[in-house]
Amino acid sequence: MKATIKQQPDGNIFMILGLAGKEIKNQLGVETYNKFKADVDASIKSGADYHSVLGVVLRYVDFDCSAWYTDDEEEEQEDE
């Protein structure tokens, strides 16, 4: 089971980690949050790059992109 993030992150790994940690704790509980935090810490300590740390995040969360665009933005994207 994964937590779901509805807020659109800006791509900053620290913002993503903060959003993920908050939603994991709220939706899945403290035990899963502690496991997530340990996995992220181990990844960073091993010298992992941005994409590797993001990979750890994606093992725990899904991003719900449906709320990220307004109807006007969706129409503009379809026109392009």
C-alpha atoms as a PDB file:
ATOM      1  CA  MET A   1       0.000   0.000   0.000  1.00  0.00           C
ATOM      2  CA  LYS A   2       1.226   3.494  -0.865  1.00  0.00           C
ATOM      3  CA  ALA A   3       0.355   6.969   0.322  1.00  0.00           C
ATOM      4  CA  THR A   4      -1.067   9.421  -2.220  1.00  0.00           C
ATOM      5  CA  ILE A   5       0.193  12.968  -2.730  1.00  0.00           C
ATOM      6  CA  LYS A   6      -2.230  15.376  -4.406  1.00  0.00           C
ATOM      7  CA  GLN A   7      -0.166  18.559  -4.072  1.00  0.00           C
ATOM      8  CA  GLN A   8       2.095  19.289  -7.038  1.00  0.00           C
ATOM      9  CA  PRO A   9       5.726  19.404  -5.882  1.00  0.00           C
ATOM     10  CA  ASP A  10       8.104  21.859  -7.513  1.00  0.00           C
ATOM     11  CA  GLY A  11      10.798  19.258  -8.211  1.00  0.00           C
ATOM     12  CA  ASN A  12      12.962  20.176  -5.226  1.00  0.00           C
ATOM     13  CA  ILE A  13      13.910  16.878  -3.595  1.00  0.00           C
ATOM     14  CA  PHE A  14      13.573  18.354  -0.115  1.00  0.00           C
ATOM     15  CA  MET A  15      10.013  19.504  -0.843  1.00  0.00           C
ATOM     16  CA  ILE A  16       9.212  16.065  -2.252  1.00  0.00           C
ATOM     17  CA  LEU A  17      10.686  14.362   0.823  1.00  0.00           C
ATOM     18  CA  GLY A  18       8.689  16.645   3.118  1.00  0.00           C
ATOM     19  CA  LEU A  19       5.410  16.042   1.297  1.00  0.00           C
ATOM     20  CA  ALA A  20       6.064  12.310   1.127  1.00  0.00           C
ATOM     21  CA  GLY A  21       6.977  12.063   4.810  1.00  0.00           C
ATOM     22  CA  LYS A  22       3.889  14.005   5.862  1.00  0.00           C
ATOM     23  CA  GLU A  23       1.511  11.909   3.761  1.00  0.00           C
ATOM     24  CA  ILE A  24       3.154   8.601   4.685  1.00  0.00           C
ATOM     25  CA  LYS A  25       2.830   9.433   8.379  1.00  0.00           C
ATOM     26  CA  ASN A  26      -0.794  10.608   7.984  1.00  0.00           C
ATOM     27  CA  GLN A  27      -1.992   7.830   5.686  1.00  0.00           C
ATOM     28  CA  LEU A  28       0.161   4.825   6.589  1.00  0.00           C
ATOM     29  CA  GLY A  29       1.294   5.496  10.153  1.00  0.00           C
ATOM     30  CA  VAL A  30       4.437   6.163  12.106  1.00  0.00           C
ATOM     31  CA  GLU A  31       5.937   2.704  11.610  1.00  0.00           C
ATOM     32  CA  THR A  32       5.891   3.045   7.806  1.00  0.00           C
ATOM     33  CA  TYR A  33       7.142   6.626   8.098  1.00  0.00           C
ATOM     34  CA  ASN A  34      10.116   5.439  10.176  1.00  0.00           C
ATOM     35  CA  LYS A  35      10.926   2.777   7.560  1.00  0.00           C
ATOM     36  CA  PHE A  36      10.660   5.392   4.791  1.00  0.00           C
ATOM     37  CA  LYS A  37      12.943   7.778   6.685  1.00  0.00           C
ATOM     38  CA  ALA A  38      15.511   5.017   7.299  1.00  0.00           C
ATOM     39  CA  ASP A  39      15.470   4.065   3.593  1.00  0.00           C
ATOM     40  CA  VAL A  40      15.904   7.694   2.508  1.00  0.00           C
ATOM     41  CA  ASP A  41      18.713   8.268   5.028  1.00  0.00           C
ATOM     42  CA  ALA A  42      20.531   5.119   3.888  1.00  0.00           C
ATOM     43  CA  SER A  43      20.169   6.165   0.257  1.00  0.00           C
ATOM     44  CA  ILE A  44      21.565   9.640   0.908  1.00  0.00           C
ATOM     45  CA  LYS A  45      24.423   8.326   3.071  1.00  0.00           C
ATOM     46  CA  SER A  46      25.419   5.932   0.292  1.00  0.00           C
ATOM     47  CA  GLY A  47      25.885   8.906  -2.028  1.00  0.00           C
ATOM     48  CA  ALA A  48      22.729   8.389  -4.080  1.00  0.00           C
ATOM     49  CA  ASP A  49      21.840  11.035  -6.646  1.00  0.00           C
ATOM     50  CA  TYR A  50      18.510  12.854  -7.035  1.00  0.00           C
ATOM     51  CA  HIS A  51      16.948  10.132  -9.153  1.00  0.00           C
ATOM     52  CA  SER A  52      17.911   7.358  -6.748  1.00  0.00           C
ATOM     53  CA  VAL A  53      16.410   9.198  -3.776  1.00  0.00           C
ATOM     54  CA  LEU A  54      13.299   9.890  -5.837  1.00  0.00           C
ATOM     55  CA  GLY A  55      13.139   6.163  -6.557  1.00  0.00           C
ATOM     56  CA  VAL A  56      12.982   5.499  -2.806  1.00  0.00           C
ATOM     57  CA  VAL A  57      10.131   8.015  -2.507  1.00  0.00           C
ATOM     58  CA  LEU A  58       8.211   6.332  -5.322  1.00  0.00           C
ATOM     59  CA  ARG A  59       8.322   3.009  -3.489  1.00  0.00           C
ATOM     60  CA  TYR A  60       6.181   4.613  -0.780  1.00  0.00           C
ATOM     61  CA  VAL A  61       3.956   7.166  -2.554  1.00  0.00           C
ATOM     62  CA  ASP A  62       1.909   7.750  -5.670  1.00  0.00           C
ATOM     63  CA  PHE A  63       1.326  11.218  -7.078  1.00  0.00           C
ATOM     64  CA  ASP A  64      -2.278  12.058  -8.008  1.00  0.00           C
ATOM     65  CA  CYS A  65      -1.773  14.444 -10.920  1.00  0.00           C
ATOM     66  CA  SER A  66      -5.490  14.906 -11.623  1.00  0.00           C
ATOM     67  CA  ALA A  67      -5.737  17.988  -9.411  1.00  0.00           C
ATOM     68  CA  TRP A  68      -2.625  19.703 -10.780  1.00  0.00           C
ATOM     69  CA  TYR A  69      -4.267  21.414 -13.747  1.00  0.00           C
ATOM     70  CA  THR A  70      -7.322  23.575 -14.164  1.00  0.00           C
ATOM     71  CA  ASP A  71      -9.684  22.997 -17.086  1.00  0.00           C
ATOM     72  CA  ASP A  72      -8.108  25.969 -18.931  1.00  0.00           C
ATOM     73  CA  GLU A  73      -4.602  24.526 -18.572  1.00  0.00           C
ATOM     74  CA  GLU A  74      -5.786  21.138 -19.842  1.00  0.00           C
ATOM     75  CA  GLU A  75      -7.297  22.773 -22.930  1.00  0.00           C
ATOM     76  CA  GLU A  76      -4.055  24.672 -23.594  1.00  0.00           C
ATOM     77  CA  GLN A  77      -2.045  21.439 -23.319  1.00  0.00           C
ATOM     78  CA  GLU A  78      -4.388  19.666 -25.736  1.00  0.00           C
ATOM     79  CA  ASP A  79      -4.001  22.514 -28.254  1.00  0.00           C
ATOM     80  CA  GLU A  80      -0.209  22.246 -28.270  1.00  0.00           C
END
